[in-house]
PDB file of N, CA and C in Angstrom:
ATOM      1  N   MET A   1     -70.534 -14.514-144.939  1.00  0.00           N
ATOM      2  CA  MET A   1     -71.387 -13.614-143.889  1.00  0.00           C
ATOM      3  C   MET A   1     -71.015 -12.177-143.921  1.00  0.00           C
ATOM      4  N   GLY A   2     -70.095 -11.599-144.605  1.00  0.00           N
ATOM      5  CA  GLY A   2     -69.969 -10.327-144.906  1.00  0.00           C
ATOM      6  C   GLY A   2     -68.762  -9.790-144.149  1.00  0.00           C
ATOM      7  N   ALA A   3     -68.124 -10.718-143.315  1.00  0.00           N
ATOM      8  CA  ALA A   3     -66.618 -10.126-142.744  1.00  0.00           C
ATOM      9  C   ALA A   3     -65.595  -9.684-143.795  1.00  0.00           C
ATOM     10  N   ASP A   4     -64.987  -8.818-143.729  1.00  0.00           N
ATOM     11  CA  ASP A   4     -63.800  -8.383-144.544  1.00  0.00           C
ATOM     12  C   ASP A   4     -62.671  -9.211-144.181  1.00  0.00           C
ATOM     13  N   VAL A   5     -62.403  -9.621-142.803  1.00  0.00           N
ATOM     14  CA  VAL A   5     -61.102 -10.480-142.589  1.00  0.00           C
ATOM     15  C   VAL A   5     -61.636 -11.178-141.593  1.00  0.00           C
ATOM     16  N   VAL A   6     -61.163 -12.453-141.173  1.00  0.00           N
ATOM     17  CA  VAL A   6     -61.401 -13.543-139.933  1.00  0.00           C
ATOM     18  C   VAL A   6     -60.167 -13.941-139.666  1.00  0.00           C
ATOM     19  N   LEU A   7     -60.132 -13.888-138.298  1.00  0.00           N
ATOM     20  CA  LEU A   7     -58.755 -14.287-137.665  1.00  0.00           C
ATOM     21  C   LEU A   7     -59.292 -15.516-136.755  1.00  0.00           C
ATOM     22  N   PHE A   8     -58.229 -16.951-137.243  1.00  0.00           N
ATOM     23  CA  PHE A   8     -58.475 -17.997-136.068  1.00  0.00           C
ATOM     24  C   PHE A   8     -57.017 -18.252-135.610  1.00  0.00           C
ATOM     25  N   SER A   9     -57.110 -18.484-133.985  1.00  0.00           N
ATOM     26  CA  SER A   9     -56.423 -18.806-133.408  1.00  0.00           C
ATOM     27  C   SER A   9     -55.715 -20.592-133.627  1.00  0.00           C
ATOM     28  N   GLY A  10     -54.358 -20.460-133.832  1.00  0.00           N
ATOM     29  CA  GLY A  10     -54.125 -21.848-134.079  1.00  0.00           C
ATOM     30  C   GLY A  10     -54.217 -22.850-132.845  1.00  0.00           C
ATOM     31  N   GLY A  11     -54.131 -22.498-131.382  1.00  0.00           N
ATOM     32  CA  GLY A  11     -54.009 -22.880-130.371  1.00  0.00           C
ATOM     33  C   GLY A  11     -55.389 -23.237-129.847  1.00  0.00           C
ATOM     34  N   LYS A  12     -56.648 -22.723-130.057  1.00  0.00           N
ATOM     35  CA  LYS A  12     -57.789 -22.870-129.673  1.00  0.00           C
ATOM     36  C   LYS A  12     -58.553 -24.015-130.554  1.00  0.00           C
ATOM     37  N   ASP A  13     -59.233 -23.388-131.259  1.00  0.00           N
ATOM     38  CA  ASP A  13     -60.364 -24.316-132.135  1.00  0.00           C
ATOM     39  C   ASP A  13     -59.732 -25.603-132.924  1.00  0.00           C
ATOM     40  N   ILE A  14     -58.813 -25.026-133.474  1.00  0.00           N
ATOM     41  CA  ILE A  14     -57.879 -25.735-134.580  1.00  0.00           C
ATOM     42  C   ILE A  14     -57.051 -26.617-133.930  1.00  0.00           C
ATOM     43  N   GLN A  15     -56.692 -26.661-132.688  1.00  0.00           N
ATOM     44  CA  GLN A  15     -55.914 -27.284-131.845  1.00  0.00           C
ATOM     45  C   GLN A  15     -54.402 -27.563-132.657  1.00  0.00           C
ATOM     46  N   GLY A  16     -54.010 -26.623-133.041  1.00  0.00           N
ATOM     47  CA  GLY A  16     -52.531 -26.525-133.435  1.00  0.00           C
ATOM     48  C   GLY A  16     -51.810 -25.782-132.417  1.00  0.00           C
ATOM     49  N   PRO A  17     -50.466 -25.444-132.951  1.00  0.00           N
ATOM     50  CA  PRO A  17     -49.443 -24.586-132.096  1.00  0.00           C
ATOM     51  C   PRO A  17     -50.083 -23.708-131.489  1.00  0.00           C
ATOM     52  N   GLN A  18     -49.760 -23.361-130.193  1.00  0.00           N
ATOM     53  CA  GLN A  18     -50.172 -21.873-129.449  1.00  0.00           C
ATOM     54  C   GLN A  18     -49.811 -20.485-130.333  1.00  0.00           C
ATOM     55  N   SER A  19     -48.680 -20.566-130.799  1.00  0.00           N
ATOM     56  CA  SER A  19     -48.394 -19.567-131.365  1.00  0.00           C
ATOM     57  C   SER A  19     -48.475 -19.328-132.623  1.00  0.00           C
ATOM     58  N   SER A  20     -49.578 -19.938-132.997  1.00  0.00           N
ATOM     59  CA  SER A  20     -50.001 -19.936-134.479  1.00  0.00           C
ATOM     60  C   SER A  20     -51.405 -19.245-134.758  1.00  0.00           C
ATOM     61  N   GLY A  21     -51.510 -18.918-136.193  1.00  0.00           N
ATOM     62  CA  GLY A  21     -53.277 -18.329-136.236  1.00  0.00           C
ATOM     63  C   GLY A  21     -52.905 -18.319-137.749  1.00  0.00           C
ATOM     64  N   LEU A  22     -54.514 -17.864-138.242  1.00  0.00           N
ATOM     65  CA  LEU A  22     -54.700 -17.815-139.850  1.00  0.00           C
ATOM     66  C   LEU A  22     -55.482 -16.660-139.998  1.00  0.00           C
ATOM     67  N   MET A  23     -55.023 -15.802-141.044  1.00  0.00           N
ATOM     68  CA  MET A  23     -55.829 -14.795-141.435  1.00  0.00           C
ATOM     69  C   MET A  23     -56.530 -14.906-142.800  1.00  0.00           C
ATOM     70  N   VAL A  24     -57.713 -14.855-143.284  1.00  0.00           N
ATOM     71  CA  VAL A  24     -58.225 -15.071-144.410  1.00  0.00           C
ATOM     72  C   VAL A  24     -59.086 -13.995-144.618  1.00  0.00           C
ATOM     73  N   GLY A  25     -59.295 -13.368-145.492  1.00  0.00           N
ATOM     74  CA  GLY A  25     -60.249 -12.116-145.850  1.00  0.00           C
ATOM     75  C   GLY A  25     -59.883 -11.392-147.225  1.00  0.00           C
ATOM     76  N   LYS A  26     -60.229 -10.400-147.313  1.00  0.00           N
ATOM     77  CA  LYS A  26     -60.238  -9.671-148.751  1.00  0.00           C
ATOM     78  C   LYS A  26     -58.672  -9.434-149.117  1.00  0.00           C
ATOM     79  N   LYS A  27     -58.417  -9.367-150.318  1.00  0.00           N
ATOM     80  CA  LYS A  27     -56.983  -9.403-150.388  1.00  0.00           C
ATOM     81  C   LYS A  27     -56.555  -8.276-150.296  1.00  0.00           C
ATOM     82  N   ASP A  28     -56.983  -6.992-150.291  1.00  0.00           N
ATOM     83  CA  ASP A  28     -56.415  -5.768-150.114  1.00  0.00           C
ATOM     84  C   ASP A  28     -56.277  -5.483-148.503  1.00  0.00           C
ATOM     85  N   ILE A  29     -57.013  -6.220-148.077  1.00  0.00           N
ATOM     86  CA  ILE A  29     -56.520  -5.913-146.245  1.00  0.00           C
ATOM     87  C   ILE A  29     -55.404  -6.904-146.102  1.00  0.00           C
ATOM     88  N   ILE A  30     -55.155  -8.349-146.417  1.00  0.00           N
ATOM     89  CA  ILE A  30     -54.422  -9.183-146.347  1.00  0.00           C
ATOM     90  C   ILE A  30     -53.056  -8.468-146.788  1.00  0.00           C
ATOM     91  N   SER A  31     -53.087  -7.838-147.920  1.00  0.00           N
ATOM     92  CA  SER A  31     -51.953  -7.108-148.312  1.00  0.00           C
ATOM     93  C   SER A  31     -51.237  -5.990-146.942  1.00  0.00           C
ATOM     94  N   LEU A  32     -52.012  -5.116-147.022  1.00  0.00           N
ATOM     95  CA  LEU A  32     -52.000  -4.063-145.773  1.00  0.00           C
ATOM     96  C   LEU A  32     -51.336  -4.689-144.706  1.00  0.00           C
ATOM     97  N   CYS A  33     -51.898  -5.760-144.306  1.00  0.00           N
ATOM     98  CA  CYS A  33     -51.163  -6.542-142.871  1.00  0.00           C
ATOM     99  C   CYS A  33     -50.022  -7.136-143.195  1.00  0.00           C
ATOM    100  N   ARG A  34     -49.796  -7.739-144.360  1.00  0.00           N
ATOM    101  CA  ARG A  34     -48.199  -8.287-144.641  1.00  0.00           C
ATOM    102  C   ARG A  34     -47.332  -7.118-144.632  1.00  0.00           C
ATOM    103  N   LEU A  35     -47.679  -5.853-145.078  1.00  0.00           N
ATOM    104  CA  LEU A  35     -46.520  -4.962-144.702  1.00  0.00           C
ATOM    105  C   LEU A  35     -45.965  -4.895-143.170  1.00  0.00           C
ATOM    106  N   GLN A  36     -46.549  -5.504-142.300  1.00  0.00           N
ATOM    107  CA  GLN A  36     -46.197  -5.415-140.743  1.00  0.00           C
ATOM    108  C   GLN A  36     -45.243  -6.374-140.581  1.00  0.00           C
ATOM    109  N   GLY A  37     -44.880  -7.303-141.510  1.00  0.00           N
ATOM    110  CA  GLY A  37     -44.092  -8.546-141.400  1.00  0.00           C
ATOM    111  C   GLY A  37     -42.532  -8.245-142.285  1.00  0.00           C
ATOM    112  N   TYR A  38     -42.245  -9.682-142.280  1.00  0.00           N
ATOM    113  CA  TYR A  38     -40.563  -9.689-143.085  1.00  0.00           C
ATOM    114  C   TYR A  38     -41.084  -9.069-144.456  1.00  0.00           C
ATOM    115  N   PRO A  39     -40.096  -8.163-144.969  1.00  0.00           N
ATOM    116  CA  PRO A  39     -38.833  -7.823-144.463  1.00  0.00           C
ATOM    117  C   PRO A  39     -39.001  -6.545-143.764  1.00  0.00           C
ATOM    118  N   HIS A  40     -40.015  -6.068-143.518  1.00  0.00           N
ATOM    119  CA  HIS A  40     -40.254  -4.800-143.182  1.00  0.00           C
ATOM    120  C   HIS A  40     -39.971  -4.517-141.637  1.00  0.00           C
ATOM    121  N   HIS A  41     -40.086  -5.543-140.700  1.00  0.00           N
ATOM    122  CA  HIS A  41     -39.425  -5.265-139.250  1.00  0.00           C
ATOM    123  C   HIS A  41     -40.314  -4.550-138.537  1.00  0.00           C
ATOM    124  N   ALA A  42     -41.263  -4.559-138.848  1.00  0.00           N
ATOM    125  CA  ALA A  42     -42.361  -3.475-138.144  1.00  0.00           C
ATOM    126  C   ALA A  42     -43.081  -4.363-137.071  1.00  0.00           C
ATOM    127  N   ILE A  43     -44.281  -4.255-136.557  1.00  0.00           N
ATOM    128  CA  ILE A  43     -45.018  -4.915-135.686  1.00  0.00           C
ATOM    129  C   ILE A  43     -45.015  -6.401-135.700  1.00  0.00           C
ATOM    130  N   GLY A  44     -44.908  -6.736-137.126  1.00  0.00           N
ATOM    131  CA  GLY A  44     -45.141  -8.231-137.176  1.00  0.00           C
ATOM    132  C   GLY A  44     -43.766  -9.081-136.821  1.00  0.00           C
ATOM    133  N   ARG A  45     -42.738  -8.268-136.780  1.00  0.00           N
ATOM    134  CA  ARG A  45     -41.389  -9.043-136.510  1.00  0.00           C
ATOM    135  C   ARG A  45     -41.521  -9.950-135.099  1.00  0.00           C
ATOM    136  N   PRO A  46     -41.547  -9.703-133.961  1.00  0.00           N
ATOM    137  CA  PRO A  46     -42.024 -10.205-132.959  1.00  0.00           C
ATOM    138  C   PRO A  46     -42.809 -11.188-133.185  1.00  0.00           C
ATOM    139  N   MET A  47     -43.464 -11.292-133.877  1.00  0.00           N
ATOM    140  CA  MET A  47     -44.954 -12.606-134.173  1.00  0.00           C
ATOM    141  C   MET A  47     -44.352 -13.394-135.220  1.00  0.00           C
ATOM    142  N   LYS A  48     -43.095 -13.501-135.684  1.00  0.00           N
ATOM    143  CA  LYS A  48     -42.419 -14.156-136.352  1.00  0.00           C
ATOM    144  C   LYS A  48     -42.587 -15.485-136.246  1.00  0.00           C
ATOM    145  N   LEU A  49     -43.201 -16.506-136.964  1.00  0.00           N
ATOM    146  CA  LEU A  49     -43.160 -17.918-136.649  1.00  0.00           C
ATOM    147  C   LEU A  49     -41.770 -19.137-137.235  1.00  0.00           C
ATOM    148  N   ASP A  50     -41.618 -19.932-136.477  1.00  0.00           N
ATOM    149  CA  ASP A  50     -40.677 -20.850-137.086  1.00  0.00           C
ATOM    150  C   ASP A  50     -41.371 -21.889-137.784  1.00  0.00           C
ATOM    151  N   LYS A  51     -40.534 -22.519-138.582  1.00  0.00           N
ATOM    152  CA  LYS A  51     -40.963 -23.389-139.658  1.00  0.00           C
ATOM    153  C   LYS A  51     -41.635 -24.736-138.936  1.00  0.00           C
ATOM    154  N   GLU A  52     -41.266 -24.949-137.861  1.00  0.00           N
ATOM    155  CA  GLU A  52     -41.699 -26.210-137.132  1.00  0.00           C
ATOM    156  C   GLU A  52     -43.308 -25.823-136.735  1.00  0.00           C
ATOM    157  N   THR A  53     -43.392 -24.595-136.102  1.00  0.00           N
ATOM    158  CA  THR A  53     -44.624 -24.312-135.924  1.00  0.00           C
ATOM    159  C   THR A  53     -45.800 -24.049-137.199  1.00  0.00           C
ATOM    160  N   ILE A  54     -44.935 -23.472-138.192  1.00  0.00           N
ATOM    161  CA  ILE A  54     -45.852 -23.296-139.394  1.00  0.00           C
ATOM    162  C   ILE A  54     -46.221 -24.944-139.864  1.00  0.00           C
ATOM    163  N   MET A  55     -45.408 -25.755-140.009  1.00  0.00           N
ATOM    164  CA  MET A  55     -45.786 -27.354-140.255  1.00  0.00           C
ATOM    165  C   MET A  55     -46.879 -27.954-139.260  1.00  0.00           C
ATOM    166  N   GLY A  56     -46.595 -27.727-138.008  1.00  0.00           N
ATOM    167  CA  GLY A  56     -47.230 -28.023-136.964  1.00  0.00           C
ATOM    168  C   GLY A  56     -48.744 -27.528-137.302  1.00  0.00           C
ATOM    169  N   PHE A  57     -49.185 -26.316-137.612  1.00  0.00           N
ATOM    170  CA  PHE A  57     -50.465 -25.583-137.945  1.00  0.00           C
ATOM    171  C   PHE A  57     -50.914 -26.196-139.239  1.00  0.00           C
ATOM    172  N   VAL A  58     -50.166 -26.474-140.492  1.00  0.00           N
ATOM    173  CA  VAL A  58     -50.560 -26.982-141.514  1.00  0.00           C
ATOM    174  C   VAL A  58     -51.221 -28.145-141.371  1.00  0.00           C
ATOM    175  N   ARG A  59     -50.660 -29.101-140.472  1.00  0.00           N
ATOM    176  CA  ARG A  59     -50.933 -30.469-140.114  1.00  0.00           C
ATOM    177  C   ARG A  59     -52.139 -30.142-139.181  1.00  0.00           C
ATOM    178  N   ALA A  60     -52.393 -29.518-138.374  1.00  0.00           N
ATOM    179  CA  ALA A  60     -53.580 -29.254-137.444  1.00  0.00           C
ATOM    180  C   ALA A  60     -54.844 -28.690-138.704  1.00  0.00           C
ATOM    181  N   ILE A  61     -54.513 -28.041-139.483  1.00  0.00           N
ATOM    182  CA  ILE A  61     -55.515 -27.488-140.501  1.00  0.00           C
ATOM    183  C   ILE A  61     -56.181 -28.849-141.220  1.00  0.00           C
ATOM    184  N   GLU A  62     -55.298 -29.778-141.860  1.00  0.00           N
ATOM    185  CA  GLU A  62     -55.571 -30.667-142.274  1.00  0.00           C
ATOM    186  C   GLU A  62     -56.397 -31.784-141.583  1.00  0.00           C
ATOM    187  N   LEU A  63     -55.938 -31.880-140.520  1.00  0.00           N
ATOM    188  CA  LEU A  63     -56.659 -32.796-139.400  1.00  0.00           C
ATOM    189  C   LEU A  63     -58.226 -32.139-139.220  1.00  0.00           C
ATOM    190  N   TYR A  64     -58.326 -30.820-138.940  1.00  0.00           N
ATOM    191  CA  TYR A  64     -59.337 -30.142-138.752  1.00  0.00           C
ATOM    192  C   TYR A  64     -60.507 -30.237-139.608  1.00  0.00           C
ATOM    193  N   LEU A  65     -60.021 -30.445-141.182  1.00  0.00           N
ATOM    194  CA  LEU A  65     -60.563 -30.174-142.064  1.00  0.00           C
ATOM    195  C   LEU A  65     -61.285 -31.599-142.425  1.00  0.00           C
ATOM    196  N   GLN A  66     -60.312 -32.602-142.006  1.00  0.00           N
ATOM    197  CA  GLN A  66     -61.084 -33.985-142.160  1.00  0.00           C
ATOM    198  C   GLN A  66     -62.140 -34.309-140.937  1.00  0.00           C
ATOM    199  N   ASP A  67     -62.241 -33.836-139.875  1.00  0.00           N
ATOM    200  CA  ASP A  67     -63.155 -34.021-138.996  1.00  0.00           C
ATOM    201  C   ASP A  67     -64.414 -33.968-139.312  1.00  0.00           C
ATOM    202  N   ASP A  68     -65.400 -34.226-138.777  1.00  0.00           N
ATOM    203  CA  ASP A  68     -66.932 -33.748-139.025  1.00  0.00           C
ATOM    204  C   ASP A  68     -67.473 -33.297-137.963  1.00  0.00           C
ATOM    205  N   HIS A  69     -67.498 -31.845-138.061  1.00  0.00           N
ATOM    206  CA  HIS A  69     -67.998 -30.951-137.214  1.00  0.00           C
ATOM    207  C   HIS A  69     -69.349 -30.745-136.973  1.00  0.00           C
ATOM    208  N   LEU A  70     -70.117 -31.199-137.960  1.00  0.00           N
ATOM    209  CA  LEU A  70     -71.880 -31.036-137.924  1.00  0.00           C
ATOM    210  C   LEU A  70     -72.211 -32.081-136.656  1.00  0.00           C
ATOM    211  N   HIS A  71     -71.364 -33.082-136.251  1.00  0.00           N
ATOM    212  CA  HIS A  71     -72.055 -34.259-135.179  1.00  0.00           C
ATOM    213  C   HIS A  71     -71.573 -34.086-134.185  1.00  0.00           C
ATOM    214  N   TYR A  72     -71.390 -32.774-133.329  1.00  0.00           N
ATOM    215  CA  TYR A  72     -70.681 -32.367-132.110  1.00  0.00           C
ATOM    216  C   TYR A  72     -71.916 -32.160-131.214  1.00  0.00           C
TER     217      TYR A  72
END
């Protein structure tokens, strides 16, 4: 639909952990955002996720993709 980057909250529509989220988009923009995380310890450091949250979010995405969202 023309968006360069889209962010999804893990705890809202996807019904995963509240402290999770997903960013999808153009590779160059995602690469710039990754510079804020490990090992650079910039603004992304406080937003580090633990492995339990990551696995919970992965499972929430799997369940979300199995659901039929057209019949709500």
